[in-house]
PDB file of N, CA and C in Angstrom:
ATOM      1  N   MET A   1     -23.214   7.905  12.072  1.00  0.00           N
ATOM      2  CA  MET A   1     -22.860   6.987  12.747  1.00  0.00           C
ATOM      3  C   MET A   1     -21.929   7.540  13.612  1.00  0.00           C
ATOM      4  N   ASN A   2     -21.771   7.712  15.149  1.00  0.00           N
ATOM      5  CA  ASN A   2     -20.848   8.655  15.778  1.00  0.00           C
ATOM      6  C   ASN A   2     -20.150   7.391  16.989  1.00  0.00           C
ATOM      7  N   PRO A   3     -19.528   6.964  16.871  1.00  0.00           N
ATOM      8  CA  PRO A   3     -18.883   6.488  18.201  1.00  0.00           C
ATOM      9  C   PRO A   3     -18.970   6.320  19.052  1.00  0.00           C
ATOM     10  N   ASP A   4     -18.286   7.898  18.873  1.00  0.00           N
ATOM     11  CA  ASP A   4     -18.419   8.943  20.607  1.00  0.00           C
ATOM     12  C   ASP A   4     -19.549   8.661  21.784  1.00  0.00           C
ATOM     13  N   SER A   5     -20.512   8.598  20.158  1.00  0.00           N
ATOM     14  CA  SER A   5     -21.911   8.623  21.732  1.00  0.00           C
ATOM     15  C   SER A   5     -22.419   7.248  21.815  1.00  0.00           C
ATOM     16  N   TYR A   6     -22.010   5.856  21.064  1.00  0.00           N
ATOM     17  CA  TYR A   6     -22.214   4.835  21.475  1.00  0.00           C
ATOM     18  C   TYR A   6     -22.809   4.623  23.148  1.00  0.00           C
ATOM     19  N   THR A   7     -23.530   3.394  23.628  1.00  0.00           N
ATOM     20  CA  THR A   7     -23.164   3.384  25.230  1.00  0.00           C
ATOM     21  C   THR A   7     -23.265   1.840  25.203  1.00  0.00           C
ATOM     22  N   THR A   8     -23.620   1.266  23.881  1.00  0.00           N
ATOM     23  CA  THR A   8     -23.543  -0.283  24.299  1.00  0.00           C
ATOM     24  C   THR A   8     -23.416  -0.924  23.301  1.00  0.00           C
ATOM     25  N   MET A   9     -22.548  -1.911  23.136  1.00  0.00           N
ATOM     26  CA  MET A   9     -21.812  -2.624  21.779  1.00  0.00           C
ATOM     27  C   MET A   9     -22.772  -3.537  20.741  1.00  0.00           C
ATOM     28  N   ASP A  10     -24.298  -2.956  21.185  1.00  0.00           N
ATOM     29  CA  ASP A  10     -24.868  -3.137  19.342  1.00  0.00           C
ATOM     30  C   ASP A  10     -24.660  -2.464  19.155  1.00  0.00           C
ATOM     31  N   GLU A  11     -24.240  -1.232  19.053  1.00  0.00           N
ATOM     32  CA  GLU A  11     -23.863   0.046  18.316  1.00  0.00           C
ATOM     33  C   GLU A  11     -23.616  -0.116  17.940  1.00  0.00           C
ATOM     34  N   VAL A  12     -21.384   0.015  18.681  1.00  0.00           N
ATOM     35  CA  VAL A  12     -20.402  -0.644  18.349  1.00  0.00           C
ATOM     36  C   VAL A  12     -20.274  -1.603  16.969  1.00  0.00           C
ATOM     37  N   ARG A  13     -21.439  -2.458  17.270  1.00  0.00           N
ATOM     38  CA  ARG A  13     -21.128  -3.522  16.343  1.00  0.00           C
ATOM     39  C   ARG A  13     -22.314  -3.044  15.037  1.00  0.00           C
ATOM     40  N   GLY A  14     -23.159  -2.985  15.006  1.00  0.00           N
ATOM     41  CA  GLY A  14     -24.036  -2.545  14.138  1.00  0.00           C
ATOM     42  C   GLY A  14     -23.374  -1.628  13.666  1.00  0.00           C
ATOM     43  N   GLY A  15     -22.437  -0.762  13.581  1.00  0.00           N
ATOM     44  CA  GLY A  15     -21.215   0.400  13.694  1.00  0.00           C
ATOM     45  C   GLY A  15     -20.413  -0.007  13.062  1.00  0.00           C
ATOM     46  N   VAL A  16     -19.803  -1.028  13.405  1.00  0.00           N
ATOM     47  CA  VAL A  16     -18.857  -1.898  12.069  1.00  0.00           C
ATOM     48  C   VAL A  16     -18.962  -2.724  11.535  1.00  0.00           C
ATOM     49  N   ASP A  17     -20.426  -3.025  11.488  1.00  0.00           N
ATOM     50  CA  ASP A  17     -20.918  -3.667  10.021  1.00  0.00           C
ATOM     51  C   ASP A  17     -21.590  -2.810   8.898  1.00  0.00           C
ATOM     52  N   ALA A  18     -21.879  -1.841   9.324  1.00  0.00           N
ATOM     53  CA  ALA A  18     -22.201  -0.671   8.522  1.00  0.00           C
ATOM     54  C   ALA A  18     -21.051  -0.112   7.572  1.00  0.00           C
ATOM     55  N   LEU A  19     -19.673  -0.769   8.338  1.00  0.00           N
ATOM     56  CA  LEU A  19     -18.554   0.135   7.475  1.00  0.00           C
ATOM     57  C   LEU A  19     -18.749  -0.681   6.655  1.00  0.00           C
ATOM     58  N   ASP A  20     -18.379  -1.922   8.181  1.00  0.00           N
ATOM     59  CA  ASP A  20     -17.994  -3.017   6.663  1.00  0.00           C
ATOM     60  C   ASP A  20     -18.601  -3.377   4.802  1.00  0.00           C
ATOM     61  N   ARG A  21     -20.171  -2.968   5.336  1.00  0.00           N
ATOM     62  CA  ARG A  21     -20.937  -3.337   3.967  1.00  0.00           C
ATOM     63  C   ARG A  21     -20.210  -1.993   2.903  1.00  0.00           C
ATOM     64  N   GLN A  22     -19.758  -1.167   3.617  1.00  0.00           N
ATOM     65  CA  GLN A  22     -19.422   0.054   2.685  1.00  0.00           C
ATOM     66  C   GLN A  22     -17.528  -0.058   2.280  1.00  0.00           C
ATOM     67  N   LEU A  23     -17.162  -0.845   3.290  1.00  0.00           N
ATOM     68  CA  LEU A  23     -15.781  -1.377   2.827  1.00  0.00           C
ATOM     69  C   LEU A  23     -15.745  -2.143   1.503  1.00  0.00           C
ATOM     70  N   VAL A  24     -16.215  -3.081   1.588  1.00  0.00           N
ATOM     71  CA  VAL A  24     -16.622  -4.502   0.561  1.00  0.00           C
ATOM     72  C   VAL A  24     -17.078  -3.731  -0.276  1.00  0.00           C
ATOM     73  N   ALA A  25     -18.160  -3.089  -0.557  1.00  0.00           N
ATOM     74  CA  ALA A  25     -18.656  -2.202  -1.853  1.00  0.00           C
ATOM     75  C   ALA A  25     -17.269  -1.785  -2.510  1.00  0.00           C
ATOM     76  N   LEU A  26     -16.563  -0.540  -1.651  1.00  0.00           N
ATOM     77  CA  LEU A  26     -15.371   0.154  -2.334  1.00  0.00           C
ATOM     78  C   LEU A  26     -14.338  -1.156  -2.278  1.00  0.00           C
ATOM     79  N   LEU A  27     -14.113  -1.638  -1.608  1.00  0.00           N
ATOM     80  CA  LEU A  27     -13.414  -3.298  -2.300  1.00  0.00           C
ATOM     81  C   LEU A  27     -13.613  -3.553  -4.389  1.00  0.00           C
ATOM     82  N   GLY A  28     -14.385  -3.754  -3.767  1.00  0.00           N
ATOM     83  CA  GLY A  28     -15.444  -4.056  -5.361  1.00  0.00           C
ATOM     84  C   GLY A  28     -14.772  -3.172  -5.885  1.00  0.00           C
ATOM     85  N   GLN A  29     -15.541  -2.132  -5.924  1.00  0.00           N
ATOM     86  CA  GLN A  29     -14.731  -0.808  -6.725  1.00  0.00           C
ATOM     87  C   GLN A  29     -13.367  -1.094  -7.354  1.00  0.00           C
ATOM     88  N   ARG A  30     -12.391  -1.442  -5.835  1.00  0.00           N
ATOM     89  CA  ARG A  30     -11.379  -0.830  -6.177  1.00  0.00           C
ATOM     90  C   ARG A  30     -10.428  -2.098  -7.244  1.00  0.00           C
ATOM     91  N   PHE A  31     -10.916  -2.962  -7.468  1.00  0.00           N
ATOM     92  CA  PHE A  31     -10.337  -4.887  -7.857  1.00  0.00           C
ATOM     93  C   PHE A  31     -12.296  -4.457  -9.084  1.00  0.00           C
ATOM     94  N   ALA A  32     -12.471  -3.534  -9.817  1.00  0.00           N
ATOM     95  CA  ALA A  32     -13.159  -3.011 -11.000  1.00  0.00           C
ATOM     96  C   ALA A  32     -12.290  -2.362 -12.298  1.00  0.00           C
ATOM     97  N   HIS A  33     -11.324  -1.865 -11.102  1.00  0.00           N
ATOM     98  CA  HIS A  33     -10.455  -0.505 -11.657  1.00  0.00           C
ATOM     99  C   HIS A  33      -8.899  -1.984 -11.922  1.00  0.00           C
ATOM    100  N   MET A  34      -8.739  -2.652 -11.044  1.00  0.00           N
ATOM    101  CA  MET A  34      -7.276  -3.470 -11.942  1.00  0.00           C
ATOM    102  C   MET A  34      -7.580  -4.146 -12.572  1.00  0.00           C
ATOM    103  N   ARG A  35      -9.407  -4.384 -13.265  1.00  0.00           N
ATOM    104  CA  ARG A  35     -10.043  -5.541 -14.542  1.00  0.00           C
ATOM    105  C   ARG A  35      -9.487  -4.585 -15.017  1.00  0.00           C
ATOM    106  N   ALA A  36      -9.453  -2.875 -15.703  1.00  0.00           N
ATOM    107  CA  ALA A  36      -9.795  -2.185 -15.519  1.00  0.00           C
ATOM    108  C   ALA A  36      -8.165  -1.870 -16.269  1.00  0.00           C
ATOM    109  N   ALA A  37      -7.365  -2.006 -15.993  1.00  0.00           N
ATOM    110  CA  ALA A  37      -5.935  -2.019 -15.500  1.00  0.00           C
ATOM    111  C   ALA A  37      -5.550  -3.202 -16.512  1.00  0.00           C
ATOM    112  N   ALA A  38      -5.838  -4.117 -16.174  1.00  0.00           N
ATOM    113  CA  ALA A  38      -5.689  -5.306 -16.771  1.00  0.00           C
ATOM    114  C   ALA A  38      -5.873  -6.026 -17.830  1.00  0.00           C
ATOM    115  N   ARG A  39      -6.931  -5.344 -18.489  1.00  0.00           N
ATOM    116  CA  ARG A  39      -7.460  -4.623 -19.196  1.00  0.00           C
ATOM    117  C   ARG A  39      -6.597  -3.423 -20.394  1.00  0.00           C
ATOM    118  N   ILE A  40      -5.889  -2.568 -20.266  1.00  0.00           N
ATOM    119  CA  ILE A  40      -5.091  -1.781 -21.057  1.00  0.00           C
ATOM    120  C   ILE A  40      -4.249  -1.664 -20.987  1.00  0.00           C
ATOM    121  N   LYS A  41      -3.359  -2.761 -19.914  1.00  0.00           N
ATOM    122  CA  LYS A  41      -1.415  -2.889 -19.565  1.00  0.00           C
ATOM    123  C   LYS A  41      -0.959  -3.988 -20.580  1.00  0.00           C
ATOM    124  N   PRO A  42      -0.455  -3.193 -21.792  1.00  0.00           N
ATOM    125  CA  PRO A  42      -0.293  -3.587 -22.930  1.00  0.00           C
ATOM    126  C   PRO A  42       0.592  -5.835 -22.545  1.00  0.00           C
ATOM    127  N   ASP A  43       1.254  -5.517 -21.378  1.00  0.00           N
ATOM    128  CA  ASP A  43       2.045  -6.670 -21.417  1.00  0.00           C
ATOM    129  C   ASP A  43       1.665  -6.418 -19.607  1.00  0.00           C
ATOM    130  N   ARG A  44       2.759  -8.112 -19.921  1.00  0.00           N
ATOM    131  CA  ARG A  44       2.322  -8.552 -18.474  1.00  0.00           C
ATOM    132  C   ARG A  44       3.265  -8.043 -17.724  1.00  0.00           C
ATOM    133  N   SER A  45       4.528  -7.786 -18.032  1.00  0.00           N
ATOM    134  CA  SER A  45       5.773  -7.272 -16.591  1.00  0.00           C
ATOM    135  C   SER A  45       5.328  -5.412 -16.770  1.00  0.00           C
ATOM    136  N   ALA A  46       3.820  -5.076 -17.063  1.00  0.00           N
ATOM    137  CA  ALA A  46       3.571  -3.697 -17.088  1.00  0.00           C
ATOM    138  C   ALA A  46       2.822  -4.408 -15.684  1.00  0.00           C
ATOM    139  N   VAL A  47       2.115  -5.201 -15.679  1.00  0.00           N
ATOM    140  CA  VAL A  47       1.509  -5.169 -14.122  1.00  0.00           C
ATOM    141  C   VAL A  47       1.959  -4.028 -12.466  1.00  0.00           C
ATOM    142  N   ARG A  48       3.004  -5.448 -12.641  1.00  0.00           N
ATOM    143  CA  ARG A  48       3.773  -4.867 -11.168  1.00  0.00           C
ATOM    144  C   ARG A  48       4.887  -3.662 -11.260  1.00  0.00           C
ATOM    145  N   ASP A  49       4.208  -2.656 -10.706  1.00  0.00           N
ATOM    146  CA  ASP A  49       5.321  -1.761 -10.801  1.00  0.00           C
ATOM    147  C   ASP A  49       5.229  -1.336  -9.696  1.00  0.00           C
ATOM    148  N   GLU A  50       6.545  -1.181  -9.050  1.00  0.00           N
ATOM    149  CA  GLU A  50       7.052  -0.805  -7.353  1.00  0.00           C
ATOM    150  C   GLU A  50       6.849   0.453  -6.980  1.00  0.00           C
ATOM    151  N   ALA A  51       7.363   0.714  -8.040  1.00  0.00           N
ATOM    152  CA  ALA A  51       7.309   2.502  -8.191  1.00  0.00           C
ATOM    153  C   ALA A  51       6.035   3.523  -7.486  1.00  0.00           C
ATOM    154  N   ARG A  52       4.771   2.023  -8.470  1.00  0.00           N
ATOM    155  CA  ARG A  52       3.014   2.908  -7.729  1.00  0.00           C
ATOM    156  C   ARG A  52       3.193   2.125  -6.856  1.00  0.00           C
ATOM    157  N   LYS A  53       3.343   0.756  -6.324  1.00  0.00           N
ATOM    158  CA  LYS A  53       2.923   0.492  -5.237  1.00  0.00           C
ATOM    159  C   LYS A  53       3.215   1.473  -4.080  1.00  0.00           C
ATOM    160  N   ARG A  54       4.784   1.452  -4.202  1.00  0.00           N
ATOM    161  CA  ARG A  54       4.930   2.504  -2.964  1.00  0.00           C
ATOM    162  C   ARG A  54       4.599   3.970  -2.917  1.00  0.00           C
ATOM    163  N   GLN A  55       4.337   4.850  -3.837  1.00  0.00           N
ATOM    164  CA  GLN A  55       3.287   5.900  -3.551  1.00  0.00           C
ATOM    165  C   GLN A  55       2.052   5.875  -3.119  1.00  0.00           C
ATOM    166  N   VAL A  56       0.761   4.741  -3.607  1.00  0.00           N
ATOM    167  CA  VAL A  56       0.120   4.024  -3.245  1.00  0.00           C
ATOM    168  C   VAL A  56      -0.106   3.784  -1.688  1.00  0.00           C
ATOM    169  N   ILE A  57       0.976   2.742  -1.173  1.00  0.00           N
ATOM    170  CA  ILE A  57       1.235   2.876   0.135  1.00  0.00           C
ATOM    171  C   ILE A  57       1.574   3.717   1.527  1.00  0.00           C
ATOM    172  N   ASP A  58       2.675   4.325   0.407  1.00  0.00           N
ATOM    173  CA  ASP A  58       3.017   5.958   1.037  1.00  0.00           C
ATOM    174  C   ASP A  58       1.469   6.816   0.626  1.00  0.00           C
ATOM    175  N   GLN A  59       0.371   6.936   0.485  1.00  0.00           N
ATOM    176  CA  GLN A  59      -0.032   7.769   0.222  1.00  0.00           C
ATOM    177  C   GLN A  59      -1.922   7.515   1.292  1.00  0.00           C
ATOM    178  N   ALA A  60      -1.326   6.279   1.340  1.00  0.00           N
ATOM    179  CA  ALA A  60      -2.515   5.463   2.234  1.00  0.00           C
ATOM    180  C   ALA A  60      -1.825   5.285   3.865  1.00  0.00           C
ATOM    181  N   ARG A  61      -0.770   5.887   3.742  1.00  0.00           N
ATOM    182  CA  ARG A  61      -0.216   6.063   5.301  1.00  0.00           C
ATOM    183  C   ARG A  61      -0.244   7.240   5.682  1.00  0.00           C
ATOM    184  N   ASN A  62      -0.037   8.515   4.708  1.00  0.00           N
ATOM    185  CA  ASN A  62      -0.552  10.029   4.564  1.00  0.00           C
ATOM    186  C   ASN A  62      -1.650   9.991   5.145  1.00  0.00           C
ATOM    187  N   GLU A  63      -2.803   9.584   4.985  1.00  0.00           N
ATOM    188  CA  GLU A  63      -4.234  10.130   4.860  1.00  0.00           C
ATOM    189  C   GLU A  63      -4.112   9.681   6.499  1.00  0.00           C
ATOM    190  N   ALA A  64      -3.865   8.541   6.172  1.00  0.00           N
ATOM    191  CA  ALA A  64      -4.127   8.482   8.288  1.00  0.00           C
ATOM    192  C   ALA A  64      -3.704   9.232   9.303  1.00  0.00           C
ATOM    193  N   GLU A  65      -2.315   9.396   8.561  1.00  0.00           N
ATOM    194  CA  GLU A  65      -1.573  10.341   9.519  1.00  0.00           C
ATOM    195  C   GLU A  65      -2.476  11.421  10.147  1.00  0.00           C
ATOM    196  N   ARG A  66      -3.273  12.008   8.644  1.00  0.00           N
ATOM    197  CA  ARG A  66      -3.862  13.188   8.662  1.00  0.00           C
ATOM    198  C   ARG A  66      -4.760  13.195   9.027  1.00  0.00           C
ATOM    199  N   THR A  67      -6.028  11.800   9.109  1.00  0.00           N
ATOM    200  CA  THR A  67      -6.770  11.617   9.936  1.00  0.00           C
ATOM    201  C   THR A  67      -6.798  10.903  11.248  1.00  0.00           C
ATOM    202  N   GLY A  68      -5.898  10.951  11.584  1.00  0.00           N
ATOM    203  CA  GLY A  68      -5.181  10.121  12.955  1.00  0.00           C
ATOM    204  C   GLY A  68      -5.595   9.107  13.371  1.00  0.00           C
ATOM    205  N   ALA A  69      -5.654   8.575  12.019  1.00  0.00           N
ATOM    206  CA  ALA A  69      -5.787   6.807  11.979  1.00  0.00           C
ATOM    207  C   ALA A  69      -4.424   6.426  12.198  1.00  0.00           C
ATOM    208  N   PRO A  70      -4.743   4.725  12.872  1.00  0.00           N
ATOM    209  CA  PRO A  70      -2.925   4.336  13.027  1.00  0.00           C
ATOM    210  C   PRO A  70      -2.113   3.997  11.795  1.00  0.00           C
ATOM    211  N   ALA A  71      -1.878   4.741  11.397  1.00  0.00           N
ATOM    212  CA  ALA A  71      -0.386   5.118  10.502  1.00  0.00           C
ATOM    213  C   ALA A  71       0.273   3.541   9.742  1.00  0.00           C
ATOM    214  N   ASP A  72       0.933   2.733  11.050  1.00  0.00           N
ATOM    215  CA  ASP A  72       1.318   1.742  11.150  1.00  0.00           C
ATOM    216  C   ASP A  72       0.609   0.537  10.683  1.00  0.00           C
ATOM    217  N   ILE A  73      -0.800   1.146  11.266  1.00  0.00           N
ATOM    218  CA  ILE A  73      -1.483  -0.264  10.365  1.00  0.00           C
ATOM    219  C   ILE A  73      -1.531   0.162   9.043  1.00  0.00           C
ATOM    220  N   ILE A  74      -2.785   1.127   8.544  1.00  0.00           N
ATOM    221  CA  ILE A  74      -2.460   1.072   7.487  1.00  0.00           C
ATOM    222  C   ILE A  74      -1.821   0.550   6.265  1.00  0.00           C
ATOM    223  N   ALA A  75      -0.756   1.119   6.845  1.00  0.00           N
ATOM    224  CA  ALA A  75       0.464   0.578   5.820  1.00  0.00           C
ATOM    225  C   ALA A  75       0.395  -0.353   5.573  1.00  0.00           C
ATOM    226  N   ASP A  76      -0.143  -1.037   6.734  1.00  0.00           N
ATOM    227  CA  ASP A  76       0.233  -3.068   6.171  1.00  0.00           C
ATOM    228  C   ASP A  76      -0.647  -3.620   6.142  1.00  0.00           C
ATOM    229  N   LEU A  77      -2.077  -2.800   6.823  1.00  0.00           N
ATOM    230  CA  LEU A  77      -3.462  -3.337   5.303  1.00  0.00           C
ATOM    231  C   LEU A  77      -2.759  -3.124   4.153  1.00  0.00           C
ATOM    232  N   TRP A  78      -2.116  -1.560   2.849  1.00  0.00           N
ATOM    233  CA  TRP A  78      -2.000  -1.160   1.945  1.00  0.00           C
ATOM    234  C   TRP A  78      -1.421  -2.336   1.384  1.00  0.00           C
ATOM    235  N   GLU A  79      -0.325  -2.579   1.691  1.00  0.00           N
ATOM    236  CA  GLU A  79       0.881  -3.286   1.545  1.00  0.00           C
ATOM    237  C   GLU A  79      -0.029  -4.906   1.267  1.00  0.00           C
ATOM    238  N   GLN A  80      -0.532  -5.258   2.274  1.00  0.00           N
ATOM    239  CA  GLN A  80      -1.084  -6.532   1.266  1.00  0.00           C
ATOM    240  C   GLN A  80      -2.397  -6.201   0.507  1.00  0.00           C
ATOM    241  N   LEU A  81      -3.433  -5.216   0.497  1.00  0.00           N
ATOM    242  CA  LEU A  81      -4.147  -5.434  -0.520  1.00  0.00           C
ATOM    243  C   LEU A  81      -3.193  -4.745  -1.407  1.00  0.00           C
ATOM    244  N   VAL A  82      -2.605  -3.974  -1.955  1.00  0.00           N
ATOM    245  CA  VAL A  82      -1.882  -3.983  -3.081  1.00  0.00           C
ATOM    246  C   VAL A  82      -0.731  -4.937  -3.498  1.00  0.00           C
ATOM    247  N   GLU A  83      -1.028  -5.954  -2.814  1.00  0.00           N
ATOM    248  CA  GLU A  83       0.407  -7.571  -3.328  1.00  0.00           C
ATOM    249  C   GLU A  83      -1.627  -8.138  -3.772  1.00  0.00           C
ATOM    250  N   ALA A  84      -1.897  -7.945  -2.982  1.00  0.00           N
ATOM    251  CA  ALA A  84      -4.276  -8.910  -3.446  1.00  0.00           C
ATOM    252  C   ALA A  84      -4.218  -8.214  -4.628  1.00  0.00           C
ATOM    253  N   SER A  85      -4.038  -7.073  -4.810  1.00  0.00           N
ATOM    254  CA  SER A  85      -4.477  -6.167  -6.265  1.00  0.00           C
ATOM    255  C   SER A  85      -3.805  -6.299  -7.428  1.00  0.00           C
ATOM    256  N   ILE A  86      -2.223  -6.643  -6.710  1.00  0.00           N
ATOM    257  CA  ILE A  86      -1.693  -7.482  -7.985  1.00  0.00           C
ATOM    258  C   ILE A  86      -1.819  -8.862  -8.654  1.00  0.00           C
ATOM    259  N   ALA A  87      -1.791  -9.573  -7.353  1.00  0.00           N
ATOM    260  CA  ALA A  87      -2.418 -11.038  -8.189  1.00  0.00           C
ATOM    261  C   ALA A  87      -3.785 -11.009  -8.499  1.00  0.00           C
ATOM    262  N   TYR A  88      -4.537 -10.102  -8.221  1.00  0.00           N
ATOM    263  CA  TYR A  88      -5.929 -10.740  -8.719  1.00  0.00           C
ATOM    264  C   TYR A  88      -5.572  -9.741 -10.124  1.00  0.00           C
ATOM    265  N   GLU A  89      -4.711  -8.768 -10.426  1.00  0.00           N
ATOM    266  CA  GLU A  89      -4.534  -8.007 -12.377  1.00  0.00           C
ATOM    267  C   GLU A  89      -3.859  -9.141 -12.925  1.00  0.00           C
ATOM    268  N   LEU A  90      -2.510  -9.735 -12.472  1.00  0.00           N
ATOM    269  CA  LEU A  90      -1.180 -10.553 -13.219  1.00  0.00           C
ATOM    270  C   LEU A  90      -2.558 -11.865 -13.559  1.00  0.00           C
ATOM    271  N   ALA A  91      -4.085 -12.217 -12.537  1.00  0.00           N
ATOM    272  CA  ALA A  91      -4.637 -13.460 -12.927  1.00  0.00           C
ATOM    273  C   ALA A  91      -5.698 -13.002 -14.155  1.00  0.00           C
ATOM    274  N   GLU A  92      -5.732 -11.501 -13.625  1.00  0.00           N
ATOM    275  CA  GLU A  92      -7.281 -10.815 -14.631  1.00  0.00           C
ATOM    276  C   GLU A  92      -6.471 -10.911 -16.548  1.00  0.00           C
ATOM    277  N   TYR A  93      -5.551 -10.612 -16.421  1.00  0.00           N
ATOM    278  CA  TYR A  93      -4.445 -10.490 -17.749  1.00  0.00           C
ATOM    279  C   TYR A  93      -3.845 -11.539 -18.304  1.00  0.00           C
ATOM    280  N   ASP A  94      -3.740 -12.502 -17.663  1.00  0.00           N
ATOM    281  CA  ASP A  94      -4.042 -13.433 -18.238  1.00  0.00           C
ATOM    282  C   ASP A  94      -5.055 -14.663 -18.584  1.00  0.00           C
ATOM    283  N   ARG A  95      -6.169 -14.380 -17.601  1.00  0.00           N
ATOM    284  CA  ARG A  95      -7.594 -14.994 -18.458  1.00  0.00           C
ATOM    285  C   ARG A  95      -7.764 -14.054 -19.177  1.00  0.00           C
ATOM    286  N   THR A  96      -7.705 -12.794 -19.568  1.00  0.00           N
ATOM    287  CA  THR A  96      -8.668 -12.488 -20.481  1.00  0.00           C
ATOM    288  C   THR A  96      -7.747 -11.563 -21.986  1.00  0.00           C
ATOM    289  N   ARG A  97      -6.122 -12.645 -21.920  1.00  0.00           N
ATOM    290  CA  ARG A  97      -5.303 -13.141 -22.681  1.00  0.00           C
ATOM    291  C   ARG A  97      -5.200 -14.718 -23.034  1.00  0.00           C
ATOM    292  N   SER A  98      -6.041 -15.627 -22.817  1.00  0.00           N
ATOM    293  CA  SER A  98      -6.060 -16.742 -23.046  1.00  0.00           C
ATOM    294  C   SER A  98      -6.577 -17.408 -23.645  1.00  0.00           C
TER     295      SER A  98
END
């Protein structure tokens, strides 16, 4: 896939659809890591770690800047992703200990 060589919207849409499939698969792997974290953490209060949250978002912003992606948009997306991950991990923590 090389968007610079696309000449039709079908190519653009096909490229986006292929990337979306990859992103969903990667997000599935990320949430599997959240399940592992929920299993490993000793208590519920360890799920929310604001320092780690900031680190993850900053790393995403830095990687976006390094690759020329829109850093502010990526940071906003990662804020949402990390909050969703925390909510998921909390639910998994509760589910596995009830």
